[in-house]
Amino acid sequence: MKGPVILPLVALAACGASPQRDGAQPALQGRARALDGDTVSLDFRFSGADAVESKQLCGRQGGCYPCGKLAQDATARMLRSGEASIRLVGNSSYGRPVAIVSVDGSDLGEQLIAQGFAVPAVEYLKRDPERATRYVAAFEDARAHRRGIHSGDWIEPARWRRGARLACERRGDRRSALAPSEQRSNQ
């Protein structure tokens, strides 16, 4: 359940906007940081999608490439492509609220899985079996078409966070030499 999504929240008073007159709006809670004097950012984690980490490397053609950075860039492109909608669905994960994030109606978690930059985390989608089915189908399609991480060797994001690394990451170079027991590819 990865993919921190950073969305600016503009302070209404600083912009001169008036609050909604039809009642209190739901409060968002999480760690925030200032982007400038009147704009803050709040991170959310995707519900049911676990993307490769921003510093994670994947293996392809005898070397490593920054698949985590590519995943981050894909998320940024999708966020820039339209208006984002955030629906909070769970408790905090890694200190961040858990949400389903969509842009112009397209589920970003599902899109990252379909592009081959995330894996489904269906254990978090027990109350949403339809979404779990879509995420698994997107994963299988990405794997069958060798998109993103499926074009070579990679480590599950959860295992990577616990310290598992490709051989080239451990050596600090760009050559890949995974032990057969650690390999994950489209075979």
N, C-alpha and C. Protein backbone atom coordinates (compact mmCIF):
# COMPACT_ATOMS: atom_id res chain seq x y z
N MET A 1 0.84 -1.15 0.00
CA MET A 1 0.00 0.00 0.00
C MET A 1 0.89 1.22 0.00
N LYS A 2 1.49 1.40 -1.08
CA LYS A 2 2.48 2.44 -1.21
C LYS A 2 1.99 3.53 -2.10
N GLY A 3 2.86 4.49 -2.36
CA GLY A 3 2.56 5.53 -3.30
C GLY A 3 2.14 6.77 -2.58
N PRO A 4 3.02 7.35 -1.81
CA PRO A 4 2.58 8.57 -1.18
C PRO A 4 2.18 9.56 -2.24
N VAL A 5 1.05 10.12 -2.08
CA VAL A 5 0.55 11.11 -3.01
C VAL A 5 0.60 12.43 -2.29
N ILE A 6 1.24 13.38 -2.88
CA ILE A 6 1.39 14.68 -2.24
C ILE A 6 0.49 15.66 -2.95
N LEU A 7 -0.46 16.19 -2.23
CA LEU A 7 -1.40 17.14 -2.79
C LEU A 7 -1.38 18.42 -1.99
N PRO A 8 -1.20 19.55 -2.65
CA PRO A 8 -1.20 20.81 -1.92
C PRO A 8 -2.59 21.16 -1.41
N LEU A 9 -2.64 21.64 -0.22
CA LEU A 9 -3.88 22.14 0.37
C LEU A 9 -3.66 23.62 0.63
N VAL A 10 -4.38 24.45 -0.06
CA VAL A 10 -4.18 25.90 0.05
C VAL A 10 -4.97 26.43 1.22
N ALA A 11 -4.33 27.25 2.02
CA ALA A 11 -4.99 27.85 3.18
C ALA A 11 -6.05 28.83 2.69
N LEU A 12 -7.31 28.60 3.04
CA LEU A 12 -8.41 29.41 2.53
C LEU A 12 -8.28 30.88 2.91
N ALA A 13 -7.91 31.15 4.11
CA ALA A 13 -7.83 32.54 4.55
C ALA A 13 -6.78 33.31 3.77
N ALA A 14 -5.67 32.70 3.49
CA ALA A 14 -4.60 33.38 2.77
C ALA A 14 -5.00 33.69 1.34
N CYS A 15 -5.89 32.91 0.77
CA CYS A 15 -6.31 33.11 -0.61
C CYS A 15 -7.53 34.00 -0.71
N GLY A 16 -8.11 34.32 0.43
CA GLY A 16 -9.30 35.14 0.40
C GLY A 16 -10.56 34.36 0.11
N ALA A 17 -10.49 33.06 0.06
CA ALA A 17 -11.68 32.25 -0.18
C ALA A 17 -12.51 32.15 1.09
N SER A 18 -13.79 31.99 0.91
CA SER A 18 -14.64 31.87 2.08
C SER A 18 -14.96 30.40 2.34
N PRO A 19 -15.12 30.02 3.60
CA PRO A 19 -15.43 28.63 3.90
C PRO A 19 -16.82 28.28 3.39
N GLN A 20 -17.07 27.00 3.20
CA GLN A 20 -18.38 26.52 2.76
C GLN A 20 -19.43 26.93 3.78
N ARG A 21 -20.57 27.36 3.32
CA ARG A 21 -21.63 27.81 4.22
C ARG A 21 -22.56 26.66 4.62
N ASP A 22 -22.45 25.51 3.97
CA ASP A 22 -23.40 24.43 4.23
C ASP A 22 -22.94 23.47 5.33
N GLY A 23 -22.07 23.88 6.19
CA GLY A 23 -21.68 23.02 7.30
C GLY A 23 -20.19 22.71 7.30
N ALA A 24 -19.81 22.02 8.33
CA ALA A 24 -18.40 21.70 8.50
C ALA A 24 -17.95 20.65 7.48
N GLN A 25 -16.78 20.80 6.98
CA GLN A 25 -16.18 19.86 6.05
C GLN A 25 -15.37 18.83 6.85
N PRO A 26 -15.22 17.61 6.33
CA PRO A 26 -14.43 16.62 7.07
C PRO A 26 -12.97 17.07 7.18
N ALA A 27 -12.39 16.80 8.32
CA ALA A 27 -11.00 17.18 8.55
C ALA A 27 -10.07 16.08 8.05
N LEU A 28 -8.97 16.47 7.46
CA LEU A 28 -7.94 15.53 7.06
C LEU A 28 -6.84 15.60 8.10
N GLN A 29 -6.33 14.44 8.48
CA GLN A 29 -5.26 14.41 9.46
C GLN A 29 -4.08 13.63 8.91
N GLY A 30 -2.91 14.11 9.16
CA GLY A 30 -1.69 13.47 8.72
C GLY A 30 -0.53 14.43 8.85
N ARG A 31 0.65 13.96 8.57
CA ARG A 31 1.82 14.82 8.63
C ARG A 31 1.81 15.77 7.44
N ALA A 32 2.01 17.02 7.72
CA ALA A 32 2.01 18.03 6.66
C ALA A 32 3.31 18.80 6.69
N ARG A 33 3.62 19.44 5.58
CA ARG A 33 4.80 20.30 5.52
C ARG A 33 4.47 21.50 4.66
N ALA A 34 5.18 22.60 4.91
CA ALA A 34 4.93 23.84 4.18
C ALA A 34 5.65 23.82 2.84
N LEU A 35 4.92 24.12 1.78
CA LEU A 35 5.52 24.29 0.46
C LEU A 35 5.90 25.74 0.25
N ASP A 36 5.08 26.64 0.78
CA ASP A 36 5.42 28.06 0.86
C ASP A 36 4.56 28.65 1.97
N GLY A 37 4.48 29.94 2.06
CA GLY A 37 3.80 30.57 3.19
C GLY A 37 2.34 30.22 3.34
N ASP A 38 1.64 29.95 2.26
CA ASP A 38 0.21 29.67 2.38
C ASP A 38 -0.22 28.36 1.71
N THR A 39 0.73 27.45 1.52
CA THR A 39 0.42 26.16 0.90
C THR A 39 1.10 25.05 1.67
N VAL A 40 0.31 24.04 2.03
CA VAL A 40 0.87 22.89 2.74
C VAL A 40 0.63 21.63 1.93
N SER A 41 1.40 20.62 2.21
CA SER A 41 1.29 19.33 1.54
C SER A 41 1.00 18.28 2.59
N LEU A 42 0.11 17.35 2.24
CA LEU A 42 -0.24 16.25 3.13
C LEU A 42 -0.10 14.96 2.33
N ASP A 43 0.59 13.97 2.89
CA ASP A 43 0.82 12.71 2.19
C ASP A 43 -0.29 11.71 2.48
N PHE A 44 -0.64 10.92 1.46
CA PHE A 44 -1.59 9.83 1.57
C PHE A 44 -0.94 8.58 1.02
N ARG A 45 -1.32 7.43 1.52
CA ARG A 45 -0.86 6.15 0.95
C ARG A 45 -2.03 5.53 0.22
N PHE A 46 -1.73 4.92 -0.93
CA PHE A 46 -2.77 4.25 -1.71
C PHE A 46 -3.30 3.05 -0.95
N SER A 47 -4.58 2.85 -1.03
CA SER A 47 -5.21 1.67 -0.45
C SER A 47 -5.13 0.53 -1.46
N GLY A 48 -4.48 -0.56 -1.08
CA GLY A 48 -4.45 -1.75 -1.90
C GLY A 48 -3.43 -1.80 -3.00
N ALA A 49 -2.57 -0.81 -3.11
CA ALA A 49 -1.51 -0.81 -4.13
C ALA A 49 -0.19 -0.49 -3.44
N ASP A 50 0.81 -1.31 -3.68
CA ASP A 50 2.12 -1.13 -3.06
C ASP A 50 3.14 -0.89 -4.17
N ALA A 51 3.52 0.35 -4.36
CA ALA A 51 4.46 0.71 -5.44
C ALA A 51 5.90 0.52 -4.99
N VAL A 52 6.77 0.32 -5.97
CA VAL A 52 8.19 0.24 -5.65
C VAL A 52 8.62 1.56 -5.01
N GLU A 53 9.57 1.47 -4.10
CA GLU A 53 10.02 2.64 -3.35
C GLU A 53 10.84 3.59 -4.22
N SER A 54 10.84 4.86 -3.88
CA SER A 54 11.49 5.87 -4.73
C SER A 54 12.99 5.61 -4.93
N LYS A 55 13.65 4.99 -3.97
CA LYS A 55 15.09 4.70 -4.13
C LYS A 55 15.37 3.27 -4.58
N GLN A 56 14.31 2.51 -4.86
CA GLN A 56 14.45 1.11 -5.24
C GLN A 56 14.97 0.98 -6.67
N LEU A 57 15.85 0.00 -6.85
CA LEU A 57 16.36 -0.33 -8.18
C LEU A 57 15.80 -1.67 -8.61
N CYS A 58 15.64 -1.85 -9.92
CA CYS A 58 15.22 -3.11 -10.50
C CYS A 58 16.26 -3.53 -11.52
N GLY A 59 16.30 -4.80 -11.86
CA GLY A 59 17.30 -5.32 -12.79
C GLY A 59 16.75 -5.57 -14.17
N ARG A 60 17.60 -5.26 -15.17
CA ARG A 60 17.23 -5.52 -16.56
C ARG A 60 18.49 -5.50 -17.40
N GLN A 61 18.61 -6.47 -18.28
CA GLN A 61 19.72 -6.54 -19.24
C GLN A 61 21.08 -6.42 -18.56
N GLY A 62 21.26 -7.14 -17.47
CA GLY A 62 22.55 -7.19 -16.79
C GLY A 62 22.88 -6.01 -15.92
N GLY A 63 21.94 -5.09 -15.72
CA GLY A 63 22.21 -3.93 -14.87
C GLY A 63 20.97 -3.51 -14.10
N CYS A 64 21.14 -2.52 -13.28
CA CYS A 64 20.02 -2.00 -12.49
C CYS A 64 19.58 -0.66 -13.06
N TYR A 65 18.30 -0.37 -12.87
CA TYR A 65 17.75 0.93 -13.28
C TYR A 65 16.85 1.42 -12.16
N PRO A 66 16.60 2.73 -12.08
CA PRO A 66 15.83 3.31 -10.96
C PRO A 66 14.32 3.17 -11.14
N CYS A 67 13.81 1.95 -10.96
CA CYS A 67 12.38 1.72 -11.15
C CYS A 67 11.54 2.51 -10.15
N GLY A 68 12.05 2.74 -8.96
CA GLY A 68 11.32 3.53 -7.97
C GLY A 68 11.13 4.96 -8.41
N LYS A 69 12.14 5.54 -9.00
CA LYS A 69 12.04 6.91 -9.52
C LYS A 69 11.05 6.96 -10.68
N LEU A 70 11.06 5.92 -11.51
CA LEU A 70 10.10 5.87 -12.62
C LEU A 70 8.66 5.79 -12.09
N ALA A 71 8.45 5.04 -11.01
CA ALA A 71 7.12 4.95 -10.40
C ALA A 71 6.70 6.32 -9.85
N GLN A 72 7.62 7.00 -9.20
CA GLN A 72 7.33 8.33 -8.66
C GLN A 72 6.98 9.29 -9.79
N ASP A 73 7.74 9.24 -10.87
CA ASP A 73 7.48 10.11 -12.02
C ASP A 73 6.12 9.80 -12.65
N ALA A 74 5.76 8.52 -12.73
CA ALA A 74 4.46 8.13 -13.29
C ALA A 74 3.33 8.70 -12.44
N THR A 75 3.47 8.62 -11.12
CA THR A 75 2.44 9.17 -10.23
C THR A 75 2.34 10.68 -10.43
N ALA A 76 3.47 11.36 -10.51
CA ALA A 76 3.46 12.81 -10.71
C ALA A 76 2.78 13.19 -12.02
N ARG A 77 3.08 12.45 -13.10
CA ARG A 77 2.44 12.74 -14.40
C ARG A 77 0.93 12.57 -14.30
N MET A 78 0.49 11.48 -13.65
CA MET A 78 -0.95 11.25 -13.54
C MET A 78 -1.62 12.35 -12.73
N LEU A 79 -0.96 12.80 -11.65
CA LEU A 79 -1.54 13.86 -10.84
C LEU A 79 -1.64 15.18 -11.61
N ARG A 80 -0.67 15.44 -12.48
CA ARG A 80 -0.70 16.68 -13.27
C ARG A 80 -1.73 16.63 -14.40
N SER A 81 -2.21 15.43 -14.73
CA SER A 81 -3.07 15.29 -15.90
C SER A 81 -4.52 15.72 -15.67
N GLY A 82 -4.92 15.95 -14.45
CA GLY A 82 -6.30 16.34 -14.20
C GLY A 82 -6.53 16.65 -12.73
N GLU A 83 -7.79 16.68 -12.36
CA GLU A 83 -8.17 17.00 -11.00
C GLU A 83 -8.20 15.73 -10.14
N ALA A 84 -7.53 15.79 -9.00
CA ALA A 84 -7.45 14.64 -8.11
C ALA A 84 -8.61 14.62 -7.13
N SER A 85 -9.07 13.42 -6.84
CA SER A 85 -10.09 13.18 -5.83
C SER A 85 -9.51 12.19 -4.84
N ILE A 86 -9.67 12.49 -3.56
CA ILE A 86 -9.13 11.63 -2.50
C ILE A 86 -10.28 11.17 -1.62
N ARG A 87 -10.38 9.85 -1.46
CA ARG A 87 -11.39 9.29 -0.57
C ARG A 87 -10.66 8.51 0.51
N LEU A 88 -10.72 9.03 1.73
CA LEU A 88 -10.08 8.34 2.85
C LEU A 88 -10.82 7.04 3.13
N VAL A 89 -10.06 5.95 3.28
CA VAL A 89 -10.69 4.65 3.47
C VAL A 89 -10.12 3.85 4.64
N GLY A 90 -9.07 4.33 5.25
CA GLY A 90 -8.50 3.51 6.30
C GLY A 90 -7.69 4.31 7.28
N ASN A 91 -7.21 3.58 8.27
CA ASN A 91 -6.36 4.17 9.28
C ASN A 91 -4.99 4.48 8.71
N SER A 92 -4.21 5.11 9.49
CA SER A 92 -2.87 5.51 9.09
C SER A 92 -1.98 4.32 8.81
N SER A 93 -1.15 4.46 7.79
CA SER A 93 -0.14 3.46 7.45
C SER A 93 1.17 4.21 7.28
N TYR A 94 2.19 3.80 8.01
CA TYR A 94 3.47 4.51 8.00
C TYR A 94 3.26 5.99 8.32
N GLY A 95 2.31 6.28 9.21
CA GLY A 95 2.07 7.65 9.64
C GLY A 95 1.29 8.49 8.64
N ARG A 96 0.71 7.87 7.62
CA ARG A 96 -0.05 8.61 6.61
C ARG A 96 -1.46 8.04 6.49
N PRO A 97 -2.45 8.90 6.23
CA PRO A 97 -3.80 8.39 5.98
C PRO A 97 -3.81 7.51 4.73
N VAL A 98 -4.71 6.53 4.71
CA VAL A 98 -4.85 5.63 3.58
C VAL A 98 -6.06 6.09 2.76
N ALA A 99 -5.87 6.17 1.44
CA ALA A 99 -6.92 6.72 0.59
C ALA A 99 -6.95 6.05 -0.77
N ILE A 100 -8.08 6.18 -1.40
CA ILE A 100 -8.19 5.87 -2.83
C ILE A 100 -8.08 7.21 -3.52
N VAL A 101 -7.11 7.33 -4.39
CA VAL A 101 -6.87 8.58 -5.10
C VAL A 101 -7.18 8.35 -6.57
N SER A 102 -7.98 9.22 -7.12
CA SER A 102 -8.27 9.12 -8.55
C SER A 102 -8.06 10.49 -9.20
N VAL A 103 -7.76 10.45 -10.47
CA VAL A 103 -7.63 11.68 -11.26
C VAL A 103 -8.61 11.55 -12.41
N ASP A 104 -9.53 12.49 -12.47
CA ASP A 104 -10.58 12.47 -13.50
C ASP A 104 -11.25 11.11 -13.59
N GLY A 105 -11.51 10.49 -12.43
CA GLY A 105 -12.21 9.22 -12.37
C GLY A 105 -11.35 7.97 -12.53
N SER A 106 -10.06 8.13 -12.78
CA SER A 106 -9.17 6.99 -12.96
C SER A 106 -8.41 6.71 -11.66
N ASP A 107 -8.52 5.51 -11.15
CA ASP A 107 -7.90 5.08 -9.89
C ASP A 107 -6.38 5.01 -10.06
N LEU A 108 -5.63 5.87 -9.36
CA LEU A 108 -4.18 5.92 -9.49
C LEU A 108 -3.50 4.63 -9.06
N GLY A 109 -3.98 3.99 -8.02
CA GLY A 109 -3.41 2.72 -7.59
C GLY A 109 -3.51 1.68 -8.69
N GLU A 110 -4.68 1.58 -9.29
CA GLU A 110 -4.88 0.63 -10.38
C GLU A 110 -4.00 0.99 -11.59
N GLN A 111 -3.87 2.27 -11.88
CA GLN A 111 -3.04 2.70 -13.01
C GLN A 111 -1.57 2.37 -12.78
N LEU A 112 -1.08 2.58 -11.56
CA LEU A 112 0.32 2.23 -11.26
C LEU A 112 0.56 0.74 -11.39
N ILE A 113 -0.41 -0.06 -10.95
CA ILE A 113 -0.29 -1.51 -11.10
C ILE A 113 -0.28 -1.88 -12.58
N ALA A 114 -1.18 -1.28 -13.35
CA ALA A 114 -1.28 -1.58 -14.79
C ALA A 114 -0.02 -1.17 -15.55
N GLN A 115 0.65 -0.11 -15.09
CA GLN A 115 1.88 0.33 -15.74
C GLN A 115 3.09 -0.48 -15.30
N GLY A 116 2.90 -1.35 -14.31
CA GLY A 116 3.98 -2.20 -13.85
C GLY A 116 4.87 -1.55 -12.80
N PHE A 117 4.33 -0.61 -12.04
CA PHE A 117 5.13 0.06 -11.01
C PHE A 117 4.65 -0.23 -9.59
N ALA A 118 3.62 -1.07 -9.47
CA ALA A 118 3.08 -1.41 -8.14
C ALA A 118 2.52 -2.82 -8.19
N VAL A 119 2.35 -3.38 -7.02
CA VAL A 119 1.74 -4.71 -6.89
C VAL A 119 0.45 -4.56 -6.07
N PRO A 120 -0.53 -5.43 -6.33
CA PRO A 120 -1.75 -5.35 -5.53
C PRO A 120 -1.49 -5.80 -4.10
N ALA A 121 -2.09 -5.12 -3.17
CA ALA A 121 -2.03 -5.50 -1.76
C ALA A 121 -3.46 -5.83 -1.35
N VAL A 122 -3.96 -6.94 -1.88
CA VAL A 122 -5.38 -7.28 -1.71
C VAL A 122 -5.76 -7.58 -0.26
N GLU A 123 -4.78 -7.87 0.57
CA GLU A 123 -5.10 -8.10 1.98
C GLU A 123 -5.71 -6.87 2.62
N TYR A 124 -5.51 -5.70 2.02
CA TYR A 124 -6.09 -4.46 2.52
C TYR A 124 -7.40 -4.12 1.82
N LEU A 125 -7.84 -4.96 0.92
CA LEU A 125 -9.05 -4.69 0.15
C LEU A 125 -10.15 -5.72 0.41
N LYS A 126 -10.14 -6.34 1.58
CA LYS A 126 -11.14 -7.36 1.90
C LYS A 126 -12.57 -6.81 1.85
N ARG A 127 -12.72 -5.53 2.15
CA ARG A 127 -14.05 -4.91 2.11
C ARG A 127 -14.38 -4.34 0.73
N ASP A 128 -13.47 -4.50 -0.20
CA ASP A 128 -13.67 -3.97 -1.56
C ASP A 128 -13.23 -5.03 -2.58
N PRO A 129 -13.95 -6.16 -2.65
CA PRO A 129 -13.52 -7.25 -3.54
C PRO A 129 -13.51 -6.86 -5.01
N GLU A 130 -14.36 -5.94 -5.43
CA GLU A 130 -14.36 -5.51 -6.83
C GLU A 130 -13.04 -4.81 -7.18
N ARG A 131 -12.58 -3.93 -6.30
CA ARG A 131 -11.30 -3.25 -6.53
C ARG A 131 -10.15 -4.26 -6.49
N ALA A 132 -10.21 -5.20 -5.56
CA ALA A 132 -9.17 -6.22 -5.47
C ALA A 132 -9.09 -7.02 -6.78
N THR A 133 -10.23 -7.38 -7.34
CA THR A 133 -10.26 -8.12 -8.61
C THR A 133 -9.65 -7.29 -9.73
N ARG A 134 -10.00 -6.01 -9.80
CA ARG A 134 -9.43 -5.13 -10.83
C ARG A 134 -7.92 -5.00 -10.68
N TYR A 135 -7.46 -4.85 -9.44
CA TYR A 135 -6.02 -4.69 -9.19
C TYR A 135 -5.25 -5.94 -9.62
N VAL A 136 -5.79 -7.12 -9.29
CA VAL A 136 -5.12 -8.37 -9.67
C VAL A 136 -5.11 -8.51 -11.18
N ALA A 137 -6.22 -8.20 -11.85
CA ALA A 137 -6.28 -8.27 -13.32
C ALA A 137 -5.27 -7.30 -13.95
N ALA A 138 -5.15 -6.10 -13.40
CA ALA A 138 -4.19 -5.12 -13.92
C ALA A 138 -2.76 -5.63 -13.75
N PHE A 139 -2.49 -6.26 -12.61
CA PHE A 139 -1.16 -6.83 -12.34
C PHE A 139 -0.83 -7.94 -13.34
N GLU A 140 -1.78 -8.84 -13.55
CA GLU A 140 -1.55 -9.95 -14.48
C GLU A 140 -1.34 -9.44 -15.90
N ASP A 141 -2.07 -8.41 -16.30
CA ASP A 141 -1.90 -7.83 -17.63
C ASP A 141 -0.53 -7.16 -17.76
N ALA A 142 -0.11 -6.42 -16.74
CA ALA A 142 1.22 -5.78 -16.77
C ALA A 142 2.32 -6.83 -16.84
N ARG A 143 2.15 -7.91 -16.09
CA ARG A 143 3.15 -8.98 -16.11
C ARG A 143 3.19 -9.67 -17.47
N ALA A 144 2.02 -9.95 -18.03
CA ALA A 144 1.96 -10.62 -19.34
C ALA A 144 2.58 -9.78 -20.45
N HIS A 145 2.46 -8.46 -20.32
CA HIS A 145 3.00 -7.55 -21.34
C HIS A 145 4.36 -6.97 -20.96
N ARG A 146 4.92 -7.47 -19.85
CA ARG A 146 6.27 -7.09 -19.39
C ARG A 146 6.43 -5.58 -19.24
N ARG A 147 5.43 -4.94 -18.63
CA ARG A 147 5.49 -3.50 -18.38
C ARG A 147 6.21 -3.22 -17.07
N GLY A 148 6.94 -2.11 -17.04
CA GLY A 148 7.58 -1.66 -15.81
C GLY A 148 8.50 -2.69 -15.21
N ILE A 149 8.31 -2.98 -13.94
CA ILE A 149 9.18 -3.91 -13.22
C ILE A 149 9.15 -5.31 -13.80
N HIS A 150 8.10 -5.64 -14.53
CA HIS A 150 7.95 -6.98 -15.09
C HIS A 150 8.85 -7.22 -16.29
N SER A 151 9.62 -6.21 -16.68
CA SER A 151 10.55 -6.38 -17.81
C SER A 151 11.87 -6.99 -17.37
N GLY A 152 12.01 -7.28 -16.09
CA GLY A 152 13.26 -7.85 -15.59
C GLY A 152 13.10 -8.35 -14.17
N ASP A 153 14.16 -8.19 -13.38
CA ASP A 153 14.21 -8.65 -11.99
C ASP A 153 13.78 -7.54 -11.05
N TRP A 154 13.09 -7.94 -9.99
CA TRP A 154 12.64 -6.96 -9.01
C TRP A 154 12.35 -7.65 -7.69
N ILE A 155 12.26 -6.86 -6.67
CA ILE A 155 11.95 -7.35 -5.33
C ILE A 155 10.64 -6.71 -4.90
N GLU A 156 9.77 -7.51 -4.30
CA GLU A 156 8.51 -6.98 -3.78
C GLU A 156 8.82 -5.74 -2.92
N PRO A 157 8.04 -4.67 -3.07
CA PRO A 157 8.30 -3.45 -2.29
C PRO A 157 8.36 -3.70 -0.78
N ALA A 158 7.48 -4.55 -0.25
CA ALA A 158 7.50 -4.83 1.20
C ALA A 158 8.81 -5.50 1.61
N ARG A 159 9.31 -6.42 0.80
CA ARG A 159 10.59 -7.08 1.10
C ARG A 159 11.73 -6.07 0.98
N TRP A 160 11.66 -5.18 0.00
CA TRP A 160 12.70 -4.17 -0.19
C TRP A 160 12.76 -3.26 1.04
N ARG A 161 11.60 -2.86 1.56
CA ARG A 161 11.56 -2.00 2.76
C ARG A 161 12.18 -2.71 3.96
N ARG A 162 12.12 -4.06 3.98
CA ARG A 162 12.72 -4.82 5.09
C ARG A 162 14.20 -5.10 4.86
N GLY A 163 14.78 -4.62 3.75
CA GLY A 163 16.22 -4.74 3.55
C GLY A 163 16.66 -5.64 2.42
N ALA A 164 15.77 -6.38 1.76
CA ALA A 164 16.17 -7.23 0.63
C ALA A 164 16.62 -6.33 -0.52
N ARG A 165 17.70 -6.73 -1.19
CA ARG A 165 18.25 -5.93 -2.28
C ARG A 165 18.70 -6.82 -3.42
N LEU A 166 18.66 -6.29 -4.62
CA LEU A 166 19.30 -6.94 -5.77
C LEU A 166 20.80 -6.88 -5.54
N ALA A 167 21.53 -7.77 -6.17
CA ALA A 167 22.99 -7.80 -5.99
C ALA A 167 23.62 -6.47 -6.40
N CYS A 168 23.14 -5.85 -7.47
CA CYS A 168 23.75 -4.59 -7.91
C CYS A 168 23.49 -3.47 -6.90
N GLU A 169 22.39 -3.51 -6.18
CA GLU A 169 22.14 -2.52 -5.15
C GLU A 169 23.09 -2.70 -3.97
N ARG A 170 23.37 -3.95 -3.63
CA ARG A 170 24.27 -4.23 -2.50
C ARG A 170 25.69 -3.80 -2.82
N ARG A 171 26.07 -3.93 -4.09
CA ARG A 171 27.44 -3.55 -4.49
C ARG A 171 27.55 -2.07 -4.80
N GLY A 172 26.43 -1.41 -5.01
CA GLY A 172 26.47 0.00 -5.33
C GLY A 172 26.75 0.26 -6.81
N ASP A 173 26.66 -0.78 -7.64
CA ASP A 173 26.86 -0.55 -9.07
C ASP A 173 25.55 -0.81 -9.80
N ARG A 174 25.60 -0.81 -11.10
CA ARG A 174 24.38 -0.99 -11.89
C ARG A 174 24.29 -2.38 -12.53
N ARG A 175 25.13 -3.33 -12.11
CA ARG A 175 25.04 -4.68 -12.66
C ARG A 175 24.14 -5.53 -11.78
N SER A 176 23.32 -6.36 -12.39
CA SER A 176 22.38 -7.21 -11.65
C SER A 176 22.85 -8.65 -11.67
N ALA A 177 22.85 -9.27 -10.51
CA ALA A 177 23.18 -10.69 -10.43
C ALA A 177 22.41 -11.30 -9.27
N LEU A 178 21.11 -11.43 -9.41
CA LEU A 178 20.28 -11.98 -8.35
C LEU A 178 20.54 -13.47 -8.18
N ALA A 179 20.49 -13.91 -6.96
CA ALA A 179 20.48 -15.34 -6.71
C ALA A 179 19.15 -15.88 -7.21
N PRO A 180 19.11 -17.10 -7.77
CA PRO A 180 17.85 -17.63 -8.31
C PRO A 180 16.69 -17.57 -7.31
N SER A 181 16.97 -17.78 -6.04
CA SER A 181 15.89 -17.75 -5.04
C SER A 181 15.31 -16.36 -4.84
N GLU A 182 16.05 -15.30 -5.22
CA GLU A 182 15.58 -13.94 -5.05
C GLU A 182 14.94 -13.37 -6.29
N GLN A 183 15.05 -14.05 -7.42
CA GLN A 183 14.56 -13.50 -8.68
C GLN A 183 13.06 -13.48 -8.74
N ARG A 184 12.55 -12.44 -9.35
CA ARG A 184 11.13 -12.31 -9.61
C ARG A 184 11.02 -11.75 -11.01
N SER A 185 10.54 -12.53 -11.92
CA SER A 185 10.43 -12.05 -13.30
C SER A 185 9.27 -12.74 -13.98
N ASN A 186 9.03 -12.38 -15.23
CA ASN A 186 7.96 -12.98 -16.01
C ASN A 186 8.48 -14.21 -16.70
N GLN A 187 8.33 -15.33 -16.11
CA GLN A 187 8.80 -16.56 -16.74
C GLN A 187 7.65 -17.36 -17.26
